[in-house]
Amino acid sequence: MTQKLTIIFDLDGTLVDTAPDLLSAHNHVMKKFGFFSKNLDEIKNLAGKGAAVMIGRSIWESAKKEFTSIEDKKIKDEMVKEFINYYGKNIIVKSKLINGVYEFLKWAKSKNISMGVCTNKQEHLAVDLLKKINIYDFFEYVAGRNTFEYCKPDPRHLTSIIEIMNGNVKKSLMIGDSENDADTAKSAGVPMILLEGGYTDKNTNQIYHDHLIKDFTNINKIIINYLDD
């Protein structure tokens, strides 16, 4: 029996442009706790590694110090909780699908390609977003930052999803927009398709990839090469 292709997607900046709603939640928290707000380009550089990392980096950039004391950590935890709560209530105000995503998912499904999501977003937020933006049913499995005891860039985040989906690492692809996705794919030995203009402060030539795309409009021309004749 021929093993069918498995494609694992990152979420933020790959399937969905979530930056505007992440920005709103971030700035709400920063204002409430007395720190500086960010602009859209800045939030894209902070996104991708989860809420705690985003808030932590933003605190450091604003306060110019590490939050290391017990009291500091308590404040940071409160900020992360506030971020997740606010963002969860405003998850699809301005977020929209990346160009060509819906059409590609329909095409991939017609080709019997297995699809899953590997994101550092909290699992319940990822599922909620995918449902509200009407693409959840395309995916066999969705894993967030808190699904396992590990997350990207740990390759097990990716390989565990593939295993759960009864896929084969040697017959899988990763599609993402940042070095977090690329490092995960590289460590797992999975080919990487990189989306330009992602949520990262790295240039594309600094990020490992096998293929580079601007959006999903012509990605099927790449994928077709990985399908069995």
N, C-alpha and C. Protein backbone atom coordinates (compact mmCIF):
# COMPACT_ATOMS: atom_id res chain seq x y z
N MET A 1 0.84 -1.20 0.00
CA MET A 1 0.00 0.00 0.00
C MET A 1 0.88 1.25 0.00
N THR A 2 0.59 2.18 -0.90
CA THR A 2 1.38 3.41 -1.00
C THR A 2 1.05 4.36 0.15
N GLN A 3 2.09 4.90 0.79
CA GLN A 3 1.91 5.85 1.89
C GLN A 3 1.52 7.20 1.32
N LYS A 4 0.41 7.76 1.79
CA LYS A 4 0.00 9.06 1.25
C LYS A 4 0.79 10.19 1.91
N LEU A 5 0.81 11.31 1.24
CA LEU A 5 1.57 12.47 1.70
C LEU A 5 0.90 13.12 2.90
N THR A 6 1.74 13.55 3.85
CA THR A 6 1.26 14.29 5.02
C THR A 6 1.87 15.69 4.99
N ILE A 7 1.04 16.70 5.12
CA ILE A 7 1.51 18.08 5.19
C ILE A 7 1.13 18.65 6.56
N ILE A 8 2.12 19.19 7.26
CA ILE A 8 1.90 19.82 8.55
C ILE A 8 2.15 21.32 8.40
N PHE A 9 1.19 22.11 8.85
CA PHE A 9 1.23 23.56 8.71
C PHE A 9 1.47 24.24 10.06
N ASP A 10 2.25 25.29 10.03
CA ASP A 10 2.23 26.27 11.11
C ASP A 10 0.92 27.03 10.97
N LEU A 11 0.54 27.80 11.97
CA LEU A 11 -0.73 28.53 11.92
C LEU A 11 -0.55 30.04 11.73
N ASP A 12 -0.01 30.71 12.74
CA ASP A 12 0.12 32.17 12.69
C ASP A 12 1.14 32.60 11.64
N GLY A 13 0.69 33.40 10.69
CA GLY A 13 1.58 33.89 9.65
C GLY A 13 1.74 32.93 8.50
N THR A 14 1.19 31.71 8.63
CA THR A 14 1.30 30.71 7.58
C THR A 14 -0.08 30.45 6.96
N LEU A 15 -1.00 29.96 7.76
CA LEU A 15 -2.37 29.76 7.28
C LEU A 15 -3.21 31.03 7.45
N VAL A 16 -2.98 31.71 8.55
CA VAL A 16 -3.80 32.89 8.89
C VAL A 16 -2.92 34.06 9.28
N ASP A 17 -3.25 35.23 8.74
CA ASP A 17 -2.59 36.47 9.14
C ASP A 17 -3.26 36.95 10.42
N THR A 18 -2.68 36.55 11.54
CA THR A 18 -3.26 36.85 12.85
C THR A 18 -2.65 38.07 13.51
N ALA A 19 -1.65 38.67 12.88
CA ALA A 19 -0.89 39.75 13.51
C ALA A 19 -1.75 40.91 14.02
N PRO A 20 -2.77 41.37 13.26
CA PRO A 20 -3.57 42.49 13.77
C PRO A 20 -4.27 42.20 15.10
N ASP A 21 -4.78 40.97 15.26
CA ASP A 21 -5.46 40.63 16.51
C ASP A 21 -4.48 40.32 17.63
N LEU A 22 -3.32 39.78 17.27
CA LEU A 22 -2.26 39.59 18.27
C LEU A 22 -1.77 40.95 18.77
N LEU A 23 -1.67 41.89 17.85
CA LEU A 23 -1.24 43.25 18.21
C LEU A 23 -2.22 43.90 19.18
N SER A 24 -3.51 43.77 18.90
CA SER A 24 -4.53 44.36 19.77
C SER A 24 -4.45 43.79 21.18
N ALA A 25 -4.29 42.46 21.27
CA ALA A 25 -4.21 41.81 22.58
C ALA A 25 -2.92 42.22 23.30
N HIS A 26 -1.82 42.24 22.55
CA HIS A 26 -0.54 42.64 23.13
C HIS A 26 -0.59 44.05 23.69
N ASN A 27 -1.08 44.97 22.90
CA ASN A 27 -1.09 46.37 23.33
C ASN A 27 -2.09 46.62 24.47
N HIS A 28 -3.17 45.85 24.49
CA HIS A 28 -4.11 45.91 25.61
C HIS A 28 -3.39 45.56 26.92
N VAL A 29 -2.61 44.49 26.88
CA VAL A 29 -1.89 44.04 28.07
C VAL A 29 -0.80 45.03 28.46
N MET A 30 -0.04 45.49 27.47
CA MET A 30 1.04 46.42 27.76
C MET A 30 0.52 47.71 28.41
N LYS A 31 -0.57 48.22 27.87
CA LYS A 31 -1.16 49.44 28.41
C LYS A 31 -1.66 49.22 29.83
N LYS A 32 -2.31 48.10 30.05
CA LYS A 32 -2.88 47.80 31.36
C LYS A 32 -1.81 47.68 32.44
N PHE A 33 -0.63 47.15 32.06
CA PHE A 33 0.43 46.93 33.04
C PHE A 33 1.55 47.97 32.98
N GLY A 34 1.35 49.03 32.18
CA GLY A 34 2.28 50.15 32.19
C GLY A 34 3.52 50.01 31.35
N PHE A 35 3.45 49.21 30.28
CA PHE A 35 4.58 49.04 29.39
C PHE A 35 4.27 49.65 28.02
N PHE A 36 5.30 49.72 27.17
CA PHE A 36 5.14 50.33 25.85
C PHE A 36 4.38 49.40 24.90
N SER A 37 3.62 49.99 24.01
CA SER A 37 2.91 49.23 22.98
C SER A 37 3.84 48.99 21.79
N LYS A 38 3.38 48.20 20.82
CA LYS A 38 4.14 47.88 19.62
C LYS A 38 3.34 48.25 18.38
N ASN A 39 4.05 48.26 17.22
CA ASN A 39 3.32 48.41 15.96
C ASN A 39 3.24 47.05 15.27
N LEU A 40 2.59 47.00 14.11
CA LEU A 40 2.33 45.73 13.44
C LEU A 40 3.61 45.00 13.04
N ASP A 41 4.57 45.72 12.49
CA ASP A 41 5.83 45.08 12.10
C ASP A 41 6.56 44.50 13.31
N GLU A 42 6.52 45.23 14.42
CA GLU A 42 7.20 44.77 15.63
C GLU A 42 6.55 43.51 16.19
N ILE A 43 5.22 43.44 16.13
CA ILE A 43 4.53 42.27 16.68
C ILE A 43 4.81 41.04 15.84
N LYS A 44 5.01 41.21 14.54
CA LYS A 44 5.35 40.06 13.68
C LYS A 44 6.70 39.47 14.07
N ASN A 45 7.60 40.34 14.54
CA ASN A 45 8.92 39.87 14.96
C ASN A 45 8.86 39.14 16.31
N LEU A 46 7.79 39.39 17.07
CA LEU A 46 7.66 38.78 18.40
C LEU A 46 6.81 37.52 18.38
N ALA A 47 5.96 37.39 17.37
CA ALA A 47 5.02 36.27 17.32
C ALA A 47 5.72 34.98 16.88
N GLY A 48 5.05 33.86 17.10
CA GLY A 48 5.54 32.58 16.59
C GLY A 48 6.06 31.61 17.62
N LYS A 49 6.39 32.11 18.82
CA LYS A 49 6.94 31.22 19.84
C LYS A 49 6.05 31.10 21.06
N GLY A 50 4.83 31.60 20.92
CA GLY A 50 3.88 31.50 22.01
C GLY A 50 3.73 32.79 22.79
N ALA A 51 2.63 32.89 23.52
CA ALA A 51 2.29 34.12 24.25
C ALA A 51 3.32 34.47 25.31
N ALA A 52 3.81 33.48 26.06
CA ALA A 52 4.75 33.75 27.14
C ALA A 52 6.06 34.34 26.62
N VAL A 53 6.54 33.80 25.50
CA VAL A 53 7.78 34.32 24.91
C VAL A 53 7.55 35.73 24.37
N MET A 54 6.40 35.94 23.71
CA MET A 54 6.08 37.26 23.18
C MET A 54 6.05 38.31 24.30
N ILE A 55 5.32 38.01 25.35
CA ILE A 55 5.19 38.96 26.45
C ILE A 55 6.55 39.15 27.14
N GLY A 56 7.28 38.08 27.31
CA GLY A 56 8.60 38.18 27.96
C GLY A 56 9.56 39.06 27.19
N ARG A 57 9.61 38.86 25.87
CA ARG A 57 10.49 39.68 25.04
C ARG A 57 10.05 41.14 25.04
N SER A 58 8.76 41.35 25.02
CA SER A 58 8.23 42.71 24.98
C SER A 58 8.49 43.44 26.30
N ILE A 59 8.37 42.72 27.40
CA ILE A 59 8.69 43.30 28.71
C ILE A 59 10.15 43.74 28.74
N TRP A 60 11.03 42.86 28.28
CA TRP A 60 12.45 43.17 28.30
C TRP A 60 12.76 44.40 27.43
N GLU A 61 12.16 44.46 26.25
CA GLU A 61 12.40 45.59 25.36
C GLU A 61 11.86 46.89 25.93
N SER A 62 10.78 46.78 26.71
CA SER A 62 10.17 47.97 27.30
C SER A 62 10.88 48.40 28.59
N ALA A 63 11.15 47.42 29.46
CA ALA A 63 11.72 47.73 30.77
C ALA A 63 13.24 47.65 30.80
N LYS A 64 13.82 47.03 29.74
CA LYS A 64 15.27 46.85 29.65
C LYS A 64 15.84 46.07 30.84
N LYS A 65 15.06 45.09 31.28
CA LYS A 65 15.56 44.21 32.33
C LYS A 65 14.83 42.87 32.25
N GLU A 66 15.49 41.85 32.76
CA GLU A 66 14.88 40.53 32.83
C GLU A 66 13.94 40.47 34.03
N PHE A 67 12.81 39.83 33.86
CA PHE A 67 11.89 39.63 34.98
C PHE A 67 12.28 38.32 35.67
N THR A 68 13.10 38.43 36.70
CA THR A 68 13.65 37.24 37.33
C THR A 68 13.19 37.03 38.77
N SER A 69 12.78 38.08 39.46
CA SER A 69 12.35 37.92 40.85
C SER A 69 10.98 37.23 40.90
N ILE A 70 10.63 36.75 42.08
CA ILE A 70 9.32 36.10 42.25
C ILE A 70 8.19 37.06 41.90
N GLU A 71 8.33 38.31 42.34
CA GLU A 71 7.30 39.31 42.07
C GLU A 71 7.23 39.61 40.57
N ASP A 72 8.40 39.72 39.93
CA ASP A 72 8.44 39.96 38.48
C ASP A 72 7.74 38.83 37.73
N LYS A 73 8.06 37.60 38.10
CA LYS A 73 7.47 36.44 37.42
C LYS A 73 5.97 36.39 37.62
N LYS A 74 5.51 36.82 38.80
CA LYS A 74 4.08 36.85 39.08
C LYS A 74 3.39 37.85 38.15
N ILE A 75 4.03 39.00 37.97
CA ILE A 75 3.47 40.02 37.06
C ILE A 75 3.44 39.50 35.64
N LYS A 76 4.53 38.86 35.21
CA LYS A 76 4.57 38.31 33.85
C LYS A 76 3.49 37.27 33.65
N ASP A 77 3.32 36.39 34.62
CA ASP A 77 2.27 35.36 34.52
C ASP A 77 0.89 35.99 34.41
N GLU A 78 0.66 37.06 35.16
CA GLU A 78 -0.62 37.77 35.10
C GLU A 78 -0.82 38.39 33.71
N MET A 79 0.28 38.90 33.14
CA MET A 79 0.21 39.52 31.82
C MET A 79 -0.10 38.49 30.74
N VAL A 80 0.53 37.33 30.84
CA VAL A 80 0.28 36.25 29.87
C VAL A 80 -1.17 35.78 29.98
N LYS A 81 -1.64 35.62 31.20
CA LYS A 81 -3.03 35.21 31.42
C LYS A 81 -4.00 36.23 30.83
N GLU A 82 -3.71 37.51 31.06
CA GLU A 82 -4.55 38.58 30.52
C GLU A 82 -4.53 38.58 29.00
N PHE A 83 -3.34 38.34 28.42
CA PHE A 83 -3.20 38.29 26.96
C PHE A 83 -4.07 37.18 26.38
N ILE A 84 -3.93 35.98 26.93
CA ILE A 84 -4.68 34.83 26.42
C ILE A 84 -6.18 35.04 26.56
N ASN A 85 -6.59 35.61 27.69
CA ASN A 85 -8.01 35.87 27.92
C ASN A 85 -8.56 36.89 26.92
N TYR A 86 -7.86 37.99 26.75
CA TYR A 86 -8.31 39.04 25.83
C TYR A 86 -8.28 38.54 24.39
N TYR A 87 -7.18 37.89 24.02
CA TYR A 87 -7.05 37.40 22.65
C TYR A 87 -8.12 36.37 22.32
N GLY A 88 -8.40 35.49 23.28
CA GLY A 88 -9.43 34.48 23.06
C GLY A 88 -10.80 35.06 22.78
N LYS A 89 -11.07 36.23 23.33
CA LYS A 89 -12.35 36.90 23.12
C LYS A 89 -12.37 37.75 21.85
N ASN A 90 -11.18 37.97 21.27
CA ASN A 90 -11.07 38.84 20.09
C ASN A 90 -10.17 38.19 19.03
N ILE A 91 -10.38 36.89 18.82
CA ILE A 91 -9.44 36.10 18.04
C ILE A 91 -9.60 36.26 16.53
N ILE A 92 -10.75 36.74 16.09
CA ILE A 92 -10.97 36.83 14.66
C ILE A 92 -11.64 38.16 14.28
N VAL A 93 -11.17 39.22 14.89
CA VAL A 93 -11.68 40.56 14.57
C VAL A 93 -11.12 41.04 13.24
N LYS A 94 -9.80 40.94 13.07
CA LYS A 94 -9.15 41.39 11.84
C LYS A 94 -8.32 40.29 11.16
N SER A 95 -8.22 39.13 11.78
CA SER A 95 -7.44 38.03 11.20
C SER A 95 -8.08 37.53 9.91
N LYS A 96 -7.26 37.13 8.96
CA LYS A 96 -7.78 36.62 7.69
C LYS A 96 -6.83 35.57 7.12
N LEU A 97 -7.39 34.72 6.26
CA LEU A 97 -6.59 33.67 5.64
C LEU A 97 -5.52 34.27 4.75
N ILE A 98 -4.35 33.64 4.74
CA ILE A 98 -3.30 34.00 3.80
C ILE A 98 -3.81 33.70 2.39
N ASN A 99 -3.41 34.52 1.44
CA ASN A 99 -3.90 34.39 0.07
C ASN A 99 -3.72 32.98 -0.49
N GLY A 100 -4.79 32.38 -0.97
CA GLY A 100 -4.74 31.08 -1.62
C GLY A 100 -4.88 29.90 -0.70
N VAL A 101 -4.95 30.12 0.61
CA VAL A 101 -5.00 29.01 1.57
C VAL A 101 -6.22 28.13 1.37
N TYR A 102 -7.40 28.71 1.32
CA TYR A 102 -8.62 27.90 1.24
C TYR A 102 -8.64 27.05 -0.03
N GLU A 103 -8.26 27.66 -1.14
CA GLU A 103 -8.24 26.93 -2.41
C GLU A 103 -7.23 25.79 -2.38
N PHE A 104 -6.08 26.04 -1.76
CA PHE A 104 -5.07 24.99 -1.68
C PHE A 104 -5.54 23.84 -0.79
N LEU A 105 -6.15 24.15 0.34
CA LEU A 105 -6.63 23.10 1.23
C LEU A 105 -7.67 22.23 0.54
N LYS A 106 -8.54 22.84 -0.23
CA LYS A 106 -9.53 22.08 -0.99
C LYS A 106 -8.84 21.18 -2.01
N TRP A 107 -7.84 21.71 -2.70
CA TRP A 107 -7.10 20.92 -3.69
C TRP A 107 -6.38 19.76 -3.02
N ALA A 108 -5.73 20.03 -1.90
CA ALA A 108 -4.98 19.00 -1.20
C ALA A 108 -5.90 17.88 -0.71
N LYS A 109 -7.05 18.26 -0.22
CA LYS A 109 -8.02 17.26 0.24
C LYS A 109 -8.48 16.39 -0.93
N SER A 110 -8.65 17.00 -2.11
CA SER A 110 -9.07 16.25 -3.29
C SER A 110 -7.99 15.26 -3.74
N LYS A 111 -6.76 15.51 -3.34
CA LYS A 111 -5.63 14.64 -3.69
C LYS A 111 -5.35 13.61 -2.58
N ASN A 112 -6.23 13.56 -1.60
CA ASN A 112 -6.10 12.60 -0.50
C ASN A 112 -4.84 12.83 0.33
N ILE A 113 -4.44 14.09 0.45
CA ILE A 113 -3.30 14.47 1.29
C ILE A 113 -3.77 14.64 2.73
N SER A 114 -3.04 14.04 3.67
CA SER A 114 -3.35 14.21 5.09
C SER A 114 -2.78 15.54 5.57
N MET A 115 -3.55 16.28 6.36
CA MET A 115 -3.10 17.60 6.80
C MET A 115 -3.30 17.79 8.30
N GLY A 116 -2.31 18.42 8.93
CA GLY A 116 -2.38 18.71 10.35
C GLY A 116 -1.76 20.06 10.64
N VAL A 117 -1.91 20.52 11.87
CA VAL A 117 -1.39 21.83 12.28
C VAL A 117 -0.47 21.66 13.48
N CYS A 118 0.68 22.31 13.41
CA CYS A 118 1.67 22.31 14.48
C CYS A 118 1.97 23.77 14.83
N THR A 119 1.43 24.24 15.93
CA THR A 119 1.55 25.66 16.29
C THR A 119 1.97 25.83 17.74
N ASN A 120 2.62 26.95 18.03
CA ASN A 120 2.97 27.28 19.41
C ASN A 120 1.89 28.13 20.06
N LYS A 121 0.74 28.25 19.41
CA LYS A 121 -0.44 28.84 20.02
C LYS A 121 -1.01 27.81 21.00
N GLN A 122 -1.67 28.26 22.04
CA GLN A 122 -2.38 27.34 22.92
C GLN A 122 -3.36 26.51 22.09
N GLU A 123 -3.47 25.22 22.38
CA GLU A 123 -4.29 24.34 21.53
C GLU A 123 -5.73 24.82 21.41
N HIS A 124 -6.35 25.23 22.52
CA HIS A 124 -7.76 25.63 22.45
C HIS A 124 -7.94 26.90 21.61
N LEU A 125 -6.95 27.78 21.63
CA LEU A 125 -7.02 28.98 20.81
C LEU A 125 -6.85 28.63 19.33
N ALA A 126 -5.94 27.71 19.04
CA ALA A 126 -5.72 27.28 17.66
C ALA A 126 -6.98 26.65 17.08
N VAL A 127 -7.58 25.75 17.83
CA VAL A 127 -8.80 25.07 17.37
C VAL A 127 -9.93 26.09 17.17
N ASP A 128 -10.07 27.01 18.12
CA ASP A 128 -11.12 28.02 18.02
C ASP A 128 -10.94 28.90 16.79
N LEU A 129 -9.70 29.32 16.54
CA LEU A 129 -9.42 30.15 15.37
C LEU A 129 -9.73 29.41 14.08
N LEU A 130 -9.25 28.18 13.98
CA LEU A 130 -9.47 27.38 12.76
C LEU A 130 -10.96 27.15 12.50
N LYS A 131 -11.72 26.95 13.56
CA LYS A 131 -13.16 26.76 13.40
C LYS A 131 -13.84 28.05 12.96
N LYS A 132 -13.49 29.16 13.60
CA LYS A 132 -14.15 30.43 13.29
C LYS A 132 -13.79 30.96 11.91
N ILE A 133 -12.62 30.56 11.39
CA ILE A 133 -12.22 31.02 10.07
C ILE A 133 -12.54 29.97 8.99
N ASN A 134 -13.22 28.90 9.45
CA ASN A 134 -13.83 27.90 8.56
C ASN A 134 -12.86 27.02 7.79
N ILE A 135 -11.74 26.63 8.44
CA ILE A 135 -10.85 25.66 7.79
C ILE A 135 -10.51 24.47 8.71
N TYR A 136 -11.11 24.42 9.87
CA TYR A 136 -10.80 23.37 10.84
C TYR A 136 -11.02 21.96 10.27
N ASP A 137 -12.08 21.78 9.50
CA ASP A 137 -12.43 20.44 9.01
C ASP A 137 -11.45 19.87 8.00
N PHE A 138 -10.53 20.68 7.51
CA PHE A 138 -9.52 20.17 6.58
C PHE A 138 -8.44 19.36 7.31
N PHE A 139 -8.33 19.52 8.61
CA PHE A 139 -7.20 18.96 9.35
C PHE A 139 -7.58 17.74 10.18
N GLU A 140 -6.70 16.76 10.15
CA GLU A 140 -6.91 15.54 10.91
C GLU A 140 -6.47 15.70 12.36
N TYR A 141 -5.51 16.61 12.60
CA TYR A 141 -5.02 16.78 13.96
C TYR A 141 -4.44 18.18 14.12
N VAL A 142 -4.70 18.79 15.28
CA VAL A 142 -4.17 20.12 15.61
C VAL A 142 -3.46 20.04 16.95
N ALA A 143 -2.18 20.38 16.95
CA ALA A 143 -1.40 20.37 18.20
C ALA A 143 -0.87 21.76 18.49
N GLY A 144 -1.10 22.21 19.71
CA GLY A 144 -0.63 23.53 20.13
C GLY A 144 0.59 23.43 21.03
N ARG A 145 0.95 24.56 21.59
CA ARG A 145 2.13 24.62 22.47
C ARG A 145 1.97 23.71 23.69
N ASN A 146 0.75 23.56 24.16
CA ASN A 146 0.49 22.82 25.39
C ASN A 146 -0.07 21.42 25.16
N THR A 147 -0.07 20.95 23.91
CA THR A 147 -0.60 19.62 23.62
C THR A 147 0.29 18.52 24.18
N PHE A 148 1.59 18.68 24.00
CA PHE A 148 2.58 17.72 24.50
C PHE A 148 3.44 18.40 25.57
N GLU A 149 4.43 17.70 26.05
CA GLU A 149 5.36 18.28 27.03
C GLU A 149 6.49 19.02 26.33
N TYR A 150 6.41 19.14 25.04
CA TYR A 150 7.43 19.81 24.23
C TYR A 150 6.74 20.55 23.10
N CYS A 151 7.43 21.50 22.51
CA CYS A 151 6.85 22.27 21.41
C CYS A 151 7.98 22.76 20.49
N LYS A 152 7.61 23.29 19.33
CA LYS A 152 8.61 23.81 18.40
C LYS A 152 9.55 24.78 19.11
N PRO A 153 10.85 24.70 18.83
CA PRO A 153 11.53 23.98 17.75
C PRO A 153 11.92 22.54 18.06
N ASP A 154 11.40 21.96 19.13
CA ASP A 154 11.65 20.54 19.40
C ASP A 154 11.01 19.72 18.27
N PRO A 155 11.79 18.92 17.56
CA PRO A 155 11.25 18.17 16.42
C PRO A 155 10.15 17.19 16.79
N ARG A 156 10.09 16.80 18.07
CA ARG A 156 9.05 15.87 18.50
C ARG A 156 7.65 16.47 18.37
N HIS A 157 7.55 17.79 18.43
CA HIS A 157 6.26 18.44 18.22
C HIS A 157 5.71 18.08 16.84
N LEU A 158 6.59 18.09 15.86
CA LEU A 158 6.22 17.75 14.49
C LEU A 158 6.07 16.25 14.30
N THR A 159 7.05 15.49 14.73
CA THR A 159 7.02 14.05 14.49
C THR A 159 5.90 13.34 15.25
N SER A 160 5.54 13.86 16.42
CA SER A 160 4.44 13.26 17.17
C SER A 160 3.12 13.43 16.44
N ILE A 161 2.92 14.59 15.82
CA ILE A 161 1.71 14.82 15.05
C ILE A 161 1.64 13.85 13.87
N ILE A 162 2.75 13.73 13.16
CA ILE A 162 2.80 12.82 12.01
C ILE A 162 2.48 11.39 12.45
N GLU A 163 3.03 10.99 13.59
CA GLU A 163 2.80 9.64 14.10
C GLU A 163 1.34 9.44 14.46
N ILE A 164 0.75 10.41 15.14
CA ILE A 164 -0.66 10.33 15.53
C ILE A 164 -1.55 10.24 14.30
N MET A 165 -1.15 10.89 13.23
CA MET A 165 -1.92 10.88 11.99
C MET A 165 -1.62 9.65 11.12
N ASN A 166 -0.82 8.73 11.66
CA ASN A 166 -0.42 7.53 10.93
C ASN A 166 0.34 7.85 9.65
N GLY A 167 1.08 8.95 9.70
CA GLY A 167 1.90 9.35 8.56
C GLY A 167 3.30 8.79 8.66
N ASN A 168 4.13 9.19 7.72
CA ASN A 168 5.52 8.77 7.67
C ASN A 168 6.39 10.01 7.52
N VAL A 169 7.35 10.17 8.42
CA VAL A 169 8.22 11.35 8.37
C VAL A 169 8.87 11.50 6.99
N LYS A 170 9.19 10.37 6.36
CA LYS A 170 9.84 10.40 5.05
C LYS A 170 8.86 10.73 3.93
N LYS A 171 7.59 10.81 4.26
CA LYS A 171 6.56 11.16 3.27
C LYS A 171 5.75 12.35 3.79
N SER A 172 6.47 13.31 4.38
CA SER A 172 5.82 14.46 4.99
C SER A 172 6.50 15.76 4.58
N LEU A 173 5.75 16.85 4.70
CA LEU A 173 6.25 18.20 4.43
C LEU A 173 5.83 19.12 5.56
N MET A 174 6.65 20.15 5.81
CA MET A 174 6.30 21.20 6.77
C MET A 174 6.17 22.51 6.01
N ILE A 175 5.10 23.25 6.28
CA ILE A 175 4.92 24.57 5.70
C ILE A 175 4.84 25.59 6.83
N GLY A 176 5.75 26.57 6.83
CA GLY A 176 5.78 27.56 7.89
C GLY A 176 6.37 28.86 7.42
N ASP A 177 6.47 29.82 8.34
CA ASP A 177 6.90 31.16 7.96
C ASP A 177 8.08 31.68 8.75
N SER A 178 8.67 30.85 9.63
CA SER A 178 9.74 31.37 10.48
C SER A 178 10.82 30.33 10.74
N GLU A 179 11.88 30.78 11.37
CA GLU A 179 12.98 29.88 11.71
C GLU A 179 12.54 28.83 12.74
N ASN A 180 11.52 29.15 13.52
CA ASN A 180 10.99 28.19 14.48
C ASN A 180 10.46 26.95 13.76
N ASP A 181 9.72 27.17 12.69
CA ASP A 181 9.20 26.07 11.87
C ASP A 181 10.34 25.37 11.14
N ALA A 182 11.23 26.16 10.57
CA ALA A 182 12.32 25.61 9.77
C ALA A 182 13.27 24.76 10.61
N ASP A 183 13.61 25.23 11.80
CA ASP A 183 14.49 24.47 12.67
C ASP A 183 13.84 23.16 13.10
N THR A 184 12.54 23.22 13.32
CA THR A 184 11.79 22.01 13.68
C THR A 184 11.83 21.00 12.55
N ALA A 185 11.52 21.47 11.34
CA ALA A 185 11.51 20.59 10.17
C ALA A 185 12.89 20.00 9.89
N LYS A 186 13.90 20.85 9.97
CA LYS A 186 15.26 20.39 9.69
C LYS A 186 15.69 19.31 10.67
N SER A 187 15.41 19.52 11.95
CA SER A 187 15.78 18.54 12.97
C SER A 187 15.03 17.23 12.80
N ALA A 188 13.81 17.33 12.26
CA ALA A 188 12.99 16.13 12.06
C ALA A 188 13.28 15.44 10.74
N GLY A 189 14.08 16.09 9.89
CA GLY A 189 14.38 15.52 8.58
C GLY A 189 13.22 15.61 7.62
N VAL A 190 12.43 16.68 7.75
CA VAL A 190 11.24 16.88 6.92
C VAL A 190 11.47 18.08 6.00
N PRO A 191 11.20 17.96 4.70
CA PRO A 191 11.34 19.10 3.78
C PRO A 191 10.51 20.30 4.24
N MET A 192 11.07 21.49 4.05
CA MET A 192 10.47 22.72 4.55
C MET A 192 10.08 23.65 3.42
N ILE A 193 8.83 24.08 3.40
CA ILE A 193 8.36 25.11 2.48
C ILE A 193 8.18 26.39 3.29
N LEU A 194 8.92 27.43 2.94
CA LEU A 194 8.93 28.68 3.70
C LEU A 194 8.10 29.75 3.01
N LEU A 195 7.23 30.38 3.79
CA LEU A 195 6.41 31.48 3.30
C LEU A 195 7.16 32.79 3.54
N GLU A 196 7.31 33.58 2.49
CA GLU A 196 8.00 34.88 2.60
C GLU A 196 7.22 35.84 3.49
N GLY A 197 7.94 36.79 4.07
CA GLY A 197 7.29 37.84 4.86
C GLY A 197 6.63 37.35 6.12
N GLY A 198 7.21 36.33 6.73
CA GLY A 198 6.61 35.70 7.89
C GLY A 198 6.79 36.45 9.19
N TYR A 199 6.33 35.83 10.26
CA TYR A 199 6.40 36.41 11.60
C TYR A 199 7.78 36.09 12.19
N THR A 200 8.75 36.83 11.75
CA THR A 200 10.13 36.62 12.17
C THR A 200 10.95 37.87 11.88
N ASP A 201 12.06 38.03 12.59
CA ASP A 201 12.96 39.15 12.29
C ASP A 201 14.13 38.69 11.45
N LYS A 202 14.07 37.44 10.96
CA LYS A 202 15.12 36.89 10.11
C LYS A 202 14.80 37.14 8.63
N ASN A 203 15.85 37.25 7.82
CA ASN A 203 15.67 37.28 6.37
C ASN A 203 15.50 35.85 5.86
N THR A 204 14.85 35.70 4.72
CA THR A 204 14.61 34.36 4.19
C THR A 204 15.89 33.58 3.95
N ASN A 205 16.96 34.30 3.59
CA ASN A 205 18.23 33.59 3.34
C ASN A 205 18.91 33.14 4.63
N GLN A 206 18.35 33.53 5.77
CA GLN A 206 18.87 33.08 7.06
C GLN A 206 18.08 31.89 7.62
N ILE A 207 17.04 31.52 6.90
CA ILE A 207 16.13 30.47 7.38
C ILE A 207 16.20 29.25 6.46
N TYR A 208 16.40 28.08 7.04
CA TYR A 208 16.46 26.84 6.27
C TYR A 208 15.15 26.62 5.51
N HIS A 209 15.24 26.27 4.24
CA HIS A 209 14.05 25.88 3.48
C HIS A 209 14.45 25.14 2.21
N ASP A 210 13.55 24.32 1.74
CA ASP A 210 13.73 23.62 0.47
C ASP A 210 13.01 24.34 -0.66
N HIS A 211 11.93 25.03 -0.30
CA HIS A 211 11.14 25.79 -1.28
C HIS A 211 10.70 27.09 -0.64
N LEU A 212 10.58 28.13 -1.45
CA LEU A 212 10.16 29.44 -0.97
C LEU A 212 8.92 29.88 -1.75
N ILE A 213 7.88 30.32 -1.03
CA ILE A 213 6.64 30.76 -1.67
C ILE A 213 6.24 32.14 -1.14
N LYS A 214 5.52 32.90 -1.97
CA LYS A 214 5.00 34.20 -1.55
C LYS A 214 3.63 34.06 -0.89
N ASP A 215 2.84 33.10 -1.38
CA ASP A 215 1.55 32.76 -0.80
C ASP A 215 1.19 31.36 -1.29
N PHE A 216 -0.06 30.98 -1.19
CA PHE A 216 -0.45 29.61 -1.53
C PHE A 216 -1.02 29.46 -2.94
N THR A 217 -0.95 30.50 -3.75
CA THR A 217 -1.63 30.44 -5.04
C THR A 217 -1.05 29.43 -6.01
N ASN A 218 0.25 29.18 -5.97
CA ASN A 218 0.86 28.23 -6.89
C ASN A 218 1.60 27.11 -6.19
N ILE A 219 1.32 26.90 -4.92
CA ILE A 219 2.06 25.90 -4.16
C ILE A 219 1.79 24.48 -4.63
N ASN A 220 0.64 24.24 -5.26
CA ASN A 220 0.34 22.90 -5.75
C ASN A 220 1.37 22.41 -6.77
N LYS A 221 2.04 23.36 -7.46
CA LYS A 221 3.08 22.98 -8.43
C LYS A 221 4.29 22.38 -7.72
N ILE A 222 4.50 22.77 -6.45
CA ILE A 222 5.57 22.18 -5.64
C ILE A 222 5.11 20.84 -5.07
N ILE A 223 3.91 20.84 -4.52
CA ILE A 223 3.39 19.64 -3.83
C ILE A 223 3.25 18.47 -4.77
N ILE A 224 2.88 18.73 -6.00
CA ILE A 224 2.64 17.65 -6.96
C ILE A 224 3.89 16.77 -7.14
N ASN A 225 5.06 17.36 -6.93
CA ASN A 225 6.31 16.61 -7.06
C ASN A 225 6.53 15.62 -5.93
N TYR A 226 5.79 15.79 -4.85
CA TYR A 226 5.93 14.89 -3.70
C TYR A 226 4.84 13.80 -3.68
N LEU A 227 3.92 13.88 -4.62
CA LEU A 227 2.86 12.88 -4.71
C LEU A 227 3.32 11.71 -5.56
N ASP A 228 2.85 10.52 -5.23
CA ASP A 228 3.17 9.34 -6.02
C ASP A 228 2.44 9.39 -7.36
N ASP A 229 3.07 8.89 -8.39
CA ASP A 229 2.45 8.85 -9.70
C ASP A 229 1.29 7.85 -9.69
